[in-house]
All heavy atoms as atom14 arrays in JSON, in Angstrom:
{
  "sequence": "DTHEHLEEAVRRGAAALLVSDAARAPTTVPVAVARAEDPALGLV",
  "atom14_mask": [
    [1, 1, 1, 1, 1, 1, 1, 1, 0, 0, 0, 0, 0, 0],
    [1, 1, 1, 1, 1, 1, 1, 0, 0, 0, 0, 0, 0, 0],
    [1, 1, 1, 1, 1, 1, 1, 1, 1, 1, 0, 0, 0, 0],
    [1, 1, 1, 1, 1, 1, 1, 1, 1, 0, 0, 0, 0, 0],
    [1, 1, 1, 1, 1, 1, 1, 1, 1, 1, 0, 0, 0, 0],
    [1, 1, 1, 1, 1, 1, 1, 1, 0, 0, 0, 0, 0, 0],
    [1, 1, 1, 1, 1, 1, 1, 1, 1, 0, 0, 0, 0, 0],
    [1, 1, 1, 1, 1, 1, 1, 1, 1, 0, 0, 0, 0, 0],
    [1, 1, 1, 1, 1, 0, 0, 0, 0, 0, 0, 0, 0, 0],
    [1, 1, 1, 1, 1, 1, 1, 0, 0, 0, 0, 0, 0, 0],
    [1, 1, 1, 1, 1, 1, 1, 1, 1, 1, 1, 0, 0, 0],
    [1, 1, 1, 1, 1, 1, 1, 1, 1, 1, 1, 0, 0, 0],
    [1, 1, 1, 1, 0, 0, 0, 0, 0, 0, 0, 0, 0, 0],
    [1, 1, 1, 1, 1, 0, 0, 0, 0, 0, 0, 0, 0, 0],
    [1, 1, 1, 1, 1, 0, 0, 0, 0, 0, 0, 0, 0, 0],
    [1, 1, 1, 1, 1, 0, 0, 0, 0, 0, 0, 0, 0, 0],
    [1, 1, 1, 1, 1, 1, 1, 1, 0, 0, 0, 0, 0, 0],
    [1, 1, 1, 1, 1, 1, 1, 1, 0, 0, 0, 0, 0, 0],
    [1, 1, 1, 1, 1, 1, 1, 0, 0, 0, 0, 0, 0, 0],
    [1, 1, 1, 1, 1, 1, 0, 0, 0, 0, 0, 0, 0, 0],
    [1, 1, 1, 1, 1, 1, 1, 1, 0, 0, 0, 0, 0, 0],
    [1, 1, 1, 1, 1, 0, 0, 0, 0, 0, 0, 0, 0, 0],
    [1, 1, 1, 1, 1, 0, 0, 0, 0, 0, 0, 0, 0, 0],
    [1, 1, 1, 1, 1, 1, 1, 1, 1, 1, 1, 0, 0, 0],
    [1, 1, 1, 1, 1, 0, 0, 0, 0, 0, 0, 0, 0, 0],
    [1, 1, 1, 1, 1, 1, 1, 0, 0, 0, 0, 0, 0, 0],
    [1, 1, 1, 1, 1, 1, 1, 0, 0, 0, 0, 0, 0, 0],
    [1, 1, 1, 1, 1, 1, 1, 0, 0, 0, 0, 0, 0, 0],
    [1, 1, 1, 1, 1, 1, 1, 0, 0, 0, 0, 0, 0, 0],
    [1, 1, 1, 1, 1, 1, 1, 0, 0, 0, 0, 0, 0, 0],
    [1, 1, 1, 1, 1, 1, 1, 0, 0, 0, 0, 0, 0, 0],
    [1, 1, 1, 1, 1, 0, 0, 0, 0, 0, 0, 0, 0, 0],
    [1, 1, 1, 1, 1, 1, 1, 0, 0, 0, 0, 0, 0, 0],
    [1, 1, 1, 1, 1, 0, 0, 0, 0, 0, 0, 0, 0, 0],
    [1, 1, 1, 1, 1, 1, 1, 1, 1, 1, 1, 0, 0, 0],
    [1, 1, 1, 1, 1, 0, 0, 0, 0, 0, 0, 0, 0, 0],
    [1, 1, 1, 1, 1, 1, 1, 1, 1, 0, 0, 0, 0, 0],
    [1, 1, 1, 1, 1, 1, 1, 1, 0, 0, 0, 0, 0, 0],
    [1, 1, 1, 1, 1, 1, 1, 0, 0, 0, 0, 0, 0, 0],
    [1, 1, 1, 1, 1, 0, 0, 0, 0, 0, 0, 0, 0, 0],
    [1, 1, 1, 1, 1, 1, 1, 1, 0, 0, 0, 0, 0, 0],
    [1, 1, 1, 1, 0, 0, 0, 0, 0, 0, 0, 0, 0, 0],
    [1, 1, 1, 1, 1, 1, 1, 1, 0, 0, 0, 0, 0, 0],
    [1, 1, 1, 1, 1, 1, 1, 0, 0, 0, 0, 0, 0, 0]
  ],
  "atom14_positions": [
    [[0.85, -1.19, 0.0], [0.0, 0.0, 0.0], [0.89, 1.24, 0.0], [1.51, 1.58, 1.01], [-0.9, -0.01, 1.23], [-1.91, 1.13, 1.22], [-1.79, 2.04, 0.38], [-2.83, 1.09, 2.06], [0.0, 0.0, 0.0], [0.0, 0.0, 0.0], [0.0, 0.0, 0.0], [0.0, 0.0, 0.0], [0.0, 0.0, 0.0], [0.0, 0.0, 0.0]],
    [[0.96, 1.93, -1.14], [1.89, 3.07, -1.24], [1.33, 4.35, -0.62], [1.99, 5.39, -0.67], [2.29, 3.32, -2.7], [1.13, 3.57, -3.49], [3.05, 2.14, -3.26], [0.0, 0.0, 0.0], [0.0, 0.0, 0.0], [0.0, 0.0, 0.0], [0.0, 0.0, 0.0], [0.0, 0.0, 0.0], [0.0, 0.0, 0.0], [0.0, 0.0, 0.0]],
    [[0.16, 4.26, 0.0], [-0.27, 5.39, 0.84], [0.72, 5.59, 2.0], [0.79, 6.67, 2.57], [-1.68, 5.14, 1.4], [-2.77, 5.34, 0.4], [-3.06, 4.41, -0.56], [-3.65, 6.37, 0.21], [-4.07, 4.84, -1.31], [-4.45, 6.03, -0.86], [0.0, 0.0, 0.0], [0.0, 0.0, 0.0], [0.0, 0.0, 0.0], [0.0, 0.0, 0.0]],
    [[1.46, 4.54, 2.3], [2.46, 4.64, 3.36], [3.59, 5.6, 2.99], [4.33, 6.05, 3.87], [3.05, 3.25, 3.65], [2.02, 2.24, 4.16], [2.61, 0.86, 4.29], [3.8, 0.68, 3.94], [1.9, -0.05, 4.76], [0.0, 0.0, 0.0], [0.0, 0.0, 0.0], [0.0, 0.0, 0.0], [0.0, 0.0, 0.0], [0.0, 0.0, 0.0]],
    [[3.72, 5.93, 1.71], [4.82, 6.79, 1.24], [4.4, 8.23, 1.0], [5.18, 9.01, 0.43], [5.41, 6.21, -0.04], [5.93, 4.82, 0.08], [6.75, 4.41, 1.11], [5.73, 3.72, -0.7], [7.05, 3.12, 0.96], [6.44, 2.68, -0.13], [0.0, 0.0, 0.0], [0.0, 0.0, 0.0], [0.0, 0.0, 0.0], [0.0, 0.0, 0.0]],
    [[3.2, 8.6, 1.4], [2.72, 9.95, 1.08], [3.58, 11.04, 1.72], [3.91, 12.03, 1.08], [1.26, 10.08, 1.52], [0.25, 9.22, 0.74], [-1.14, 9.35, 1.35], [0.23, 9.59, -0.73], [0.0, 0.0, 0.0], [0.0, 0.0, 0.0], [0.0, 0.0, 0.0], [0.0, 0.0, 0.0], [0.0, 0.0, 0.0], [0.0, 0.0, 0.0]],
    [[3.93, 10.87, 2.97], [4.77, 11.87, 3.64], [6.13, 11.97, 2.96], [6.66, 13.07, 2.76], [4.94, 11.51, 5.12], [3.66, 11.58, 5.94], [3.3, 13.02, 6.3], [4.05, 13.94, 5.92], [2.26, 13.2, 6.97], [0.0, 0.0, 0.0], [0.0, 0.0, 0.0], [0.0, 0.0, 0.0], [0.0, 0.0, 0.0], [0.0, 0.0, 0.0]],
    [[6.69, 10.82, 2.6], [7.98, 10.83, 1.91], [7.87, 11.51, 0.55], [8.78, 12.24, 0.13], [8.49, 9.4, 1.73], [9.85, 9.34, 1.05], [10.36, 7.93, 0.83], [9.71, 6.97, 1.3], [11.41, 7.79, 0.17], [0.0, 0.0, 0.0], [0.0, 0.0, 0.0], [0.0, 0.0, 0.0], [0.0, 0.0, 0.0], [0.0, 0.0, 0.0]],
    [[6.76, 11.29, -0.15], [6.57, 11.93, -1.45], [6.59, 13.45, -1.3], [7.2, 14.16, -2.12], [5.25, 11.47, -2.07], [0.0, 0.0, 0.0], [0.0, 0.0, 0.0], [0.0, 0.0, 0.0], [0.0, 0.0, 0.0], [0.0, 0.0, 0.0], [0.0, 0.0, 0.0], [0.0, 0.0, 0.0], [0.0, 0.0, 0.0], [0.0, 0.0, 0.0]],
    [[5.94, 13.95, -0.27], [5.94, 15.4, -0.04], [7.34, 15.89, 0.27], [7.77, 16.94, -0.22], [4.96, 15.75, 1.1], [5.08, 17.23, 1.47], [3.53, 15.42, 0.68], [0.0, 0.0, 0.0], [0.0, 0.0, 0.0], [0.0, 0.0, 0.0], [0.0, 0.0, 0.0], [0.0, 0.0, 0.0], [0.0, 0.0, 0.0], [0.0, 0.0, 0.0]],
    [[8.09, 15.13, 1.09], [9.47, 15.52, 1.4], [10.33, 15.55, 0.14], [11.25, 16.37, 0.04], [10.07, 14.56, 2.42], [9.51, 14.7, 3.84], [10.4, 14.0, 4.84], [10.49, 12.56, 4.61], [9.66, 11.66, 5.12], [8.65, 12.06, 5.89], [9.83, 10.38, 4.86], [0.0, 0.0, 0.0], [0.0, 0.0, 0.0], [0.0, 0.0, 0.0]],
    [[10.03, 14.68, -0.82], [10.82, 14.64, -2.05], [10.41, 15.74, -3.03], [11.04, 15.89, -4.07], [10.66, 13.28, -2.73], [11.38, 12.14, -2.03], [11.02, 10.8, -2.66], [11.78, 9.69, -2.11], [12.8, 9.09, -2.72], [13.18, 9.5, -3.92], [13.43, 8.09, -2.16], [0.0, 0.0, 0.0], [0.0, 0.0, 0.0], [0.0, 0.0, 0.0]],
    [[9.34, 16.46, -2.71], [8.96, 17.59, -3.55], [7.67, 17.43, -4.31], [7.36, 18.26, -5.19], [0.0, 0.0, 0.0], [0.0, 0.0, 0.0], [0.0, 0.0, 0.0], [0.0, 0.0, 0.0], [0.0, 0.0, 0.0], [0.0, 0.0, 0.0], [0.0, 0.0, 0.0], [0.0, 0.0, 0.0], [0.0, 0.0, 0.0], [0.0, 0.0, 0.0]],
    [[6.9, 16.39, -4.02], [5.62, 16.21, -4.72], [4.76, 17.46, -4.6], [4.59, 18.0, -3.51], [4.88, 15.0, -4.17], [0.0, 0.0, 0.0], [0.0, 0.0, 0.0], [0.0, 0.0, 0.0], [0.0, 0.0, 0.0], [0.0, 0.0, 0.0], [0.0, 0.0, 0.0], [0.0, 0.0, 0.0], [0.0, 0.0, 0.0], [0.0, 0.0, 0.0]],
    [[4.23, 17.91, -5.73], [3.39, 19.1, -5.73], [1.97, 18.8, -5.33], [1.25, 19.68, -4.85], [3.4, 19.74, -7.12], [0.0, 0.0, 0.0], [0.0, 0.0, 0.0], [0.0, 0.0, 0.0], [0.0, 0.0, 0.0], [0.0, 0.0, 0.0], [0.0, 0.0, 0.0], [0.0, 0.0, 0.0], [0.0, 0.0, 0.0], [0.0, 0.0, 0.0]],
    [[1.54, 17.55, -5.52], [0.18, 17.14, -5.19], [0.14, 15.62, -5.09], [1.08, 14.93, -5.52], [-0.81, 17.63, -6.24], [0.0, 0.0, 0.0], [0.0, 0.0, 0.0], [0.0, 0.0, 0.0], [0.0, 0.0, 0.0], [0.0, 0.0, 0.0], [0.0, 0.0, 0.0], [0.0, 0.0, 0.0], [0.0, 0.0, 0.0], [0.0, 0.0, 0.0]],
    [[-0.96, 15.11, -4.53], [-1.12, 13.68, -4.34], [-2.44, 13.22, -4.94], [-3.44, 13.95, -4.91], [-1.09, 13.33, -2.85], [0.12, 13.82, -2.05], [-0.11, 13.62, -0.55], [1.39, 13.11, -2.5], [0.0, 0.0, 0.0], [0.0, 0.0, 0.0], [0.0, 0.0, 0.0], [0.0, 0.0, 0.0], [0.0, 0.0, 0.0], [0.0, 0.0, 0.0]],
    [[-2.44, 12.0, -5.47], [-3.66, 11.35, -5.94], [-3.85, 10.12, -5.08], [-3.0, 9.21, -5.1], [-3.53, 10.97, -7.42], [-4.68, 10.18, -8.03], [-5.99, 10.95, -7.96], [-4.37, 9.8, -9.47], [0.0, 0.0, 0.0], [0.0, 0.0, 0.0], [0.0, 0.0, 0.0], [0.0, 0.0, 0.0], [0.0, 0.0, 0.0], [0.0, 0.0, 0.0]],
    [[-4.92, 10.08, -4.29], [-5.09, 9.01, -3.31], [-6.51, 8.47, -3.36], [-7.43, 9.11, -3.88], [-4.78, 9.52, -1.88], [-3.4, 10.18, -1.82], [-5.85, 10.5, -1.4], [0.0, 0.0, 0.0], [0.0, 0.0, 0.0], [0.0, 0.0, 0.0], [0.0, 0.0, 0.0], [0.0, 0.0, 0.0], [0.0, 0.0, 0.0], [0.0, 0.0, 0.0]],
    [[-6.68, 7.29, -2.76], [-8.02, 6.75, -2.56], [-8.42, 6.84, -1.09], [-9.61, 6.77, -0.77], [-8.09, 5.3, -3.03], [-7.16, 4.49, -2.34], [0.0, 0.0, 0.0], [0.0, 0.0, 0.0], [0.0, 0.0, 0.0], [0.0, 0.0, 0.0], [0.0, 0.0, 0.0], [0.0, 0.0, 0.0], [0.0, 0.0, 0.0], [0.0, 0.0, 0.0]],
    [[-7.44, 7.01, -0.21], [-7.69, 7.1, 1.23], [-7.25, 8.48, 1.72], [-6.11, 8.67, 2.13], [-6.93, 5.99, 1.96], [-7.29, 5.9, 3.43], [-8.02, 6.79, 3.92], [-6.83, 4.96, 4.1], [0.0, 0.0, 0.0], [0.0, 0.0, 0.0], [0.0, 0.0, 0.0], [0.0, 0.0, 0.0], [0.0, 0.0, 0.0], [0.0, 0.0, 0.0]],
    [[-8.15, 9.44, 1.66], [-7.79, 10.82, 1.99], [-7.4, 11.0, 3.44], [-6.62, 11.9, 3.77], [-8.97, 11.74, 1.65], [0.0, 0.0, 0.0], [0.0, 0.0, 0.0], [0.0, 0.0, 0.0], [0.0, 0.0, 0.0], [0.0, 0.0, 0.0], [0.0, 0.0, 0.0], [0.0, 0.0, 0.0], [0.0, 0.0, 0.0], [0.0, 0.0, 0.0]],
    [[-7.89, 10.15, 4.31], [-7.59, 10.28, 5.74], [-6.1, 10.1, 6.04], [-5.61, 10.58, 7.06], [-8.41, 9.28, 6.54], [0.0, 0.0, 0.0], [0.0, 0.0, 0.0], [0.0, 0.0, 0.0], [0.0, 0.0, 0.0], [0.0, 0.0, 0.0], [0.0, 0.0, 0.0], [0.0, 0.0, 0.0], [0.0, 0.0, 0.0], [0.0, 0.0, 0.0]],
    [[-5.39, 9.44, 5.16], [-3.96, 9.18, 5.38], [-3.06, 10.19, 4.69], [-1.84, 10.1, 4.79], [-3.64, 7.76, 4.91], [-4.42, 6.7, 5.65], [-4.34, 5.36, 4.96], [-2.98, 4.83, 4.93], [-2.64, 3.72, 4.29], [-3.57, 3.04, 3.62], [-1.41, 3.29, 4.31], [0.0, 0.0, 0.0], [0.0, 0.0, 0.0], [0.0, 0.0, 0.0]],
    [[-3.63, 11.14, 3.98], [-2.84, 12.09, 3.21], [-2.43, 13.29, 4.06], [-3.24, 13.81, 4.84], [-3.61, 12.55, 1.99], [0.0, 0.0, 0.0], [0.0, 0.0, 0.0], [0.0, 0.0, 0.0], [0.0, 0.0, 0.0], [0.0, 0.0, 0.0], [0.0, 0.0, 0.0], [0.0, 0.0, 0.0], [0.0, 0.0, 0.0], [0.0, 0.0, 0.0]],
    [[-1.2, 13.77, 3.91], [-0.8, 15.01, 4.59], [-1.58, 16.19, 4.02], [-2.1, 16.14, 2.9], [0.69, 15.11, 4.27], [0.89, 14.3, 3.04], [-0.12, 13.2, 3.1], [0.0, 0.0, 0.0], [0.0, 0.0, 0.0], [0.0, 0.0, 0.0], [0.0, 0.0, 0.0], [0.0, 0.0, 0.0], [0.0, 0.0, 0.0], [0.0, 0.0, 0.0]],
    [[-1.64, 17.26, 4.78], [-2.44, 18.42, 4.39], [-1.59, 19.57, 3.86], [-2.09, 20.66, 3.64], [-3.26, 18.92, 5.59], [-2.36, 19.26, 6.66], [-4.23, 17.85, 6.06], [0.0, 0.0, 0.0], [0.0, 0.0, 0.0], [0.0, 0.0, 0.0], [0.0, 0.0, 0.0], [0.0, 0.0, 0.0], [0.0, 0.0, 0.0], [0.0, 0.0, 0.0]],
    [[-0.31, 19.3, 3.63], [0.6, 20.37, 3.2], [0.59, 20.61, 1.7], [1.16, 21.6, 1.23], [2.03, 20.04, 3.67], [2.36, 18.7, 3.27], [2.15, 20.15, 5.18], [0.0, 0.0, 0.0], [0.0, 0.0, 0.0], [0.0, 0.0, 0.0], [0.0, 0.0, 0.0], [0.0, 0.0, 0.0], [0.0, 0.0, 0.0], [0.0, 0.0, 0.0]],
    [[-0.01, 19.69, 0.93], [-0.13, 19.86, -0.52], [-1.55, 19.49, -0.92], [-2.25, 18.79, -0.18], [0.88, 18.98, -1.29], [2.32, 19.37, -0.95], [0.64, 17.5, -1.01], [0.0, 0.0, 0.0], [0.0, 0.0, 0.0], [0.0, 0.0, 0.0], [0.0, 0.0, 0.0], [0.0, 0.0, 0.0], [0.0, 0.0, 0.0], [0.0, 0.0, 0.0]],
    [[-2.01, 19.94, -2.08], [-3.35, 19.54, -2.54], [-3.45, 18.03, -2.73], [-2.49, 17.38, -3.14], [-3.5, 20.28, -3.88], [-2.53, 21.41, -3.8], [-1.38, 20.91, -3.0], [0.0, 0.0, 0.0], [0.0, 0.0, 0.0], [0.0, 0.0, 0.0], [0.0, 0.0, 0.0], [0.0, 0.0, 0.0], [0.0, 0.0, 0.0], [0.0, 0.0, 0.0]],
    [[-4.61, 17.49, -2.42], [-4.84, 16.05, -2.5], [-6.07, 15.78, -3.36], [-7.18, 16.18, -3.02], [-5.04, 15.45, -1.1], [-5.32, 13.95, -1.21], [-3.83, 15.71, -0.21], [0.0, 0.0, 0.0], [0.0, 0.0, 0.0], [0.0, 0.0, 0.0], [0.0, 0.0, 0.0], [0.0, 0.0, 0.0], [0.0, 0.0, 0.0], [0.0, 0.0, 0.0]],
    [[-5.87, 15.1, -4.49], [-6.98, 14.66, -5.33], [-7.42, 13.29, -4.85], [-6.59, 12.39, -4.67], [-6.55, 14.6, -6.79], [0.0, 0.0, 0.0], [0.0, 0.0, 0.0], [0.0, 0.0, 0.0], [0.0, 0.0, 0.0], [0.0, 0.0, 0.0], [0.0, 0.0, 0.0], [0.0, 0.0, 0.0], [0.0, 0.0, 0.0], [0.0, 0.0, 0.0]],
    [[-8.71, 13.15, -4.61], [-9.24, 11.91, -4.04], [-10.05, 11.16, -5.09], [-10.97, 11.72, -5.7], [-10.13, 12.21, -2.82], [-10.61, 10.9, -2.2], [-9.36, 13.04, -1.79], [0.0, 0.0, 0.0], [0.0, 0.0, 0.0], [0.0, 0.0, 0.0], [0.0, 0.0, 0.0], [0.0, 0.0, 0.0], [0.0, 0.0, 0.0], [0.0, 0.0, 0.0]],
    [[-9.67, 9.9, -5.32], [-10.4, 9.04, -6.27], [-10.55, 7.68, -5.63], [-9.57, 6.95, -5.49], [-9.65, 8.95, -7.59], [0.0, 0.0, 0.0], [0.0, 0.0, 0.0], [0.0, 0.0, 0.0], [0.0, 0.0, 0.0], [0.0, 0.0, 0.0], [0.0, 0.0, 0.0], [0.0, 0.0, 0.0], [0.0, 0.0, 0.0], [0.0, 0.0, 0.0]],
    [[-11.75, 7.32, -5.26], [-11.95, 6.04, -4.59], [-11.7, 4.87, -5.53], [-11.24, 3.81, -5.1], [-13.37, 5.98, -4.02], [-13.57, 6.9, -2.82], [-14.96, 6.76, -2.23], [-15.99, 7.28, -3.11], [-16.37, 8.55, -3.14], [-15.82, 9.43, -2.32], [-17.32, 8.97, -3.97], [0.0, 0.0, 0.0], [0.0, 0.0, 0.0], [0.0, 0.0, 0.0]],
    [[-11.97, 5.05, -6.8], [-11.71, 4.0, -7.79], [-10.31, 4.24, -8.37], [-10.13, 5.0, -9.32], [-12.76, 4.02, -8.89], [0.0, 0.0, 0.0], [0.0, 0.0, 0.0], [0.0, 0.0, 0.0], [0.0, 0.0, 0.0], [0.0, 0.0, 0.0], [0.0, 0.0, 0.0], [0.0, 0.0, 0.0], [0.0, 0.0, 0.0], [0.0, 0.0, 0.0]],
    [[-9.32, 3.59, -7.79], [-7.93, 3.89, -8.12], [-7.57, 3.63, -9.58], [-7.01, 4.49, -10.26], [-6.99, 3.06, -7.24], [-6.97, 3.44, -5.79], [-6.0, 2.59, -5.0], [-5.48, 1.6, -5.57], [-5.74, 2.91, -3.83], [0.0, 0.0, 0.0], [0.0, 0.0, 0.0], [0.0, 0.0, 0.0], [0.0, 0.0, 0.0], [0.0, 0.0, 0.0]],
    [[-7.83, 2.42, -10.05], [-7.37, 2.04, -11.39], [-8.01, 2.88, -12.49], [-7.29, 3.38, -13.37], [-7.6, 0.56, -11.63], [-6.65, -0.32, -10.83], [-5.62, 0.21, -10.36], [-6.93, -1.52, -10.67], [0.0, 0.0, 0.0], [0.0, 0.0, 0.0], [0.0, 0.0, 0.0], [0.0, 0.0, 0.0], [0.0, 0.0, 0.0], [0.0, 0.0, 0.0]],
    [[-9.33, 3.05, -12.51], [-9.91, 3.91, -13.54], [-9.36, 5.34, -13.49], [-9.09, 5.93, -14.53], [-11.41, 3.87, -13.24], [-11.62, 2.59, -12.51], [-10.38, 2.41, -11.68], [0.0, 0.0, 0.0], [0.0, 0.0, 0.0], [0.0, 0.0, 0.0], [0.0, 0.0, 0.0], [0.0, 0.0, 0.0], [0.0, 0.0, 0.0], [0.0, 0.0, 0.0]],
    [[-9.21, 5.88, -12.28], [-8.71, 7.25, -12.15], [-7.29, 7.37, -12.68], [-6.96, 8.32, -13.39], [-8.78, 7.7, -10.7], [0.0, 0.0, 0.0], [0.0, 0.0, 0.0], [0.0, 0.0, 0.0], [0.0, 0.0, 0.0], [0.0, 0.0, 0.0], [0.0, 0.0, 0.0], [0.0, 0.0, 0.0], [0.0, 0.0, 0.0], [0.0, 0.0, 0.0]],
    [[-6.44, 6.39, -12.35], [-5.05, 6.45, -12.83], [-5.02, 6.41, -14.35], [-4.26, 7.15, -14.99], [-4.25, 5.29, -12.26], [-2.79, 5.22, -12.72], [-2.01, 6.45, -12.25], [-2.12, 3.94, -12.2], [0.0, 0.0, 0.0], [0.0, 0.0, 0.0], [0.0, 0.0, 0.0], [0.0, 0.0, 0.0], [0.0, 0.0, 0.0], [0.0, 0.0, 0.0]],
    [[-5.84, 5.55, -14.96], [-5.87, 5.47, -16.41], [-6.32, 6.77, -17.05], [-5.73, 7.25, -18.01], [0.0, 0.0, 0.0], [0.0, 0.0, 0.0], [0.0, 0.0, 0.0], [0.0, 0.0, 0.0], [0.0, 0.0, 0.0], [0.0, 0.0, 0.0], [0.0, 0.0, 0.0], [0.0, 0.0, 0.0], [0.0, 0.0, 0.0], [0.0, 0.0, 0.0]],
    [[-7.38, 7.37, -16.51], [-7.93, 8.6, -17.09], [-6.98, 9.78, -16.89], [-6.79, 10.59, -17.81], [-9.29, 8.89, -16.47], [-10.4, 7.9, -16.81], [-11.62, 8.14, -15.93], [-10.77, 7.99, -18.28], [0.0, 0.0, 0.0], [0.0, 0.0, 0.0], [0.0, 0.0, 0.0], [0.0, 0.0, 0.0], [0.0, 0.0, 0.0], [0.0, 0.0, 0.0]],
    [[-6.39, 9.88, -15.7], [-5.45, 10.98, -15.46], [-4.2, 10.82, -16.33], [-3.7, 11.8, -16.89], [-5.07, 11.02, -13.96], [-3.9, 11.98, -13.73], [-6.27, 11.45, -13.12], [0.0, 0.0, 0.0], [0.0, 0.0, 0.0], [0.0, 0.0, 0.0], [0.0, 0.0, 0.0], [0.0, 0.0, 0.0], [0.0, 0.0, 0.0], [0.0, 0.0, 0.0]]
  ]
}
């Protein structure tokens, strides 16, 4: 589960996050929430 790496992604300079579990996302960058991960990744 790569939601475990969200904080590290921000430390590395991520400008934004695309997640399915918003409760685990840091609040220091914008967070796009898509509960259906695979369809959202394909469309984005």
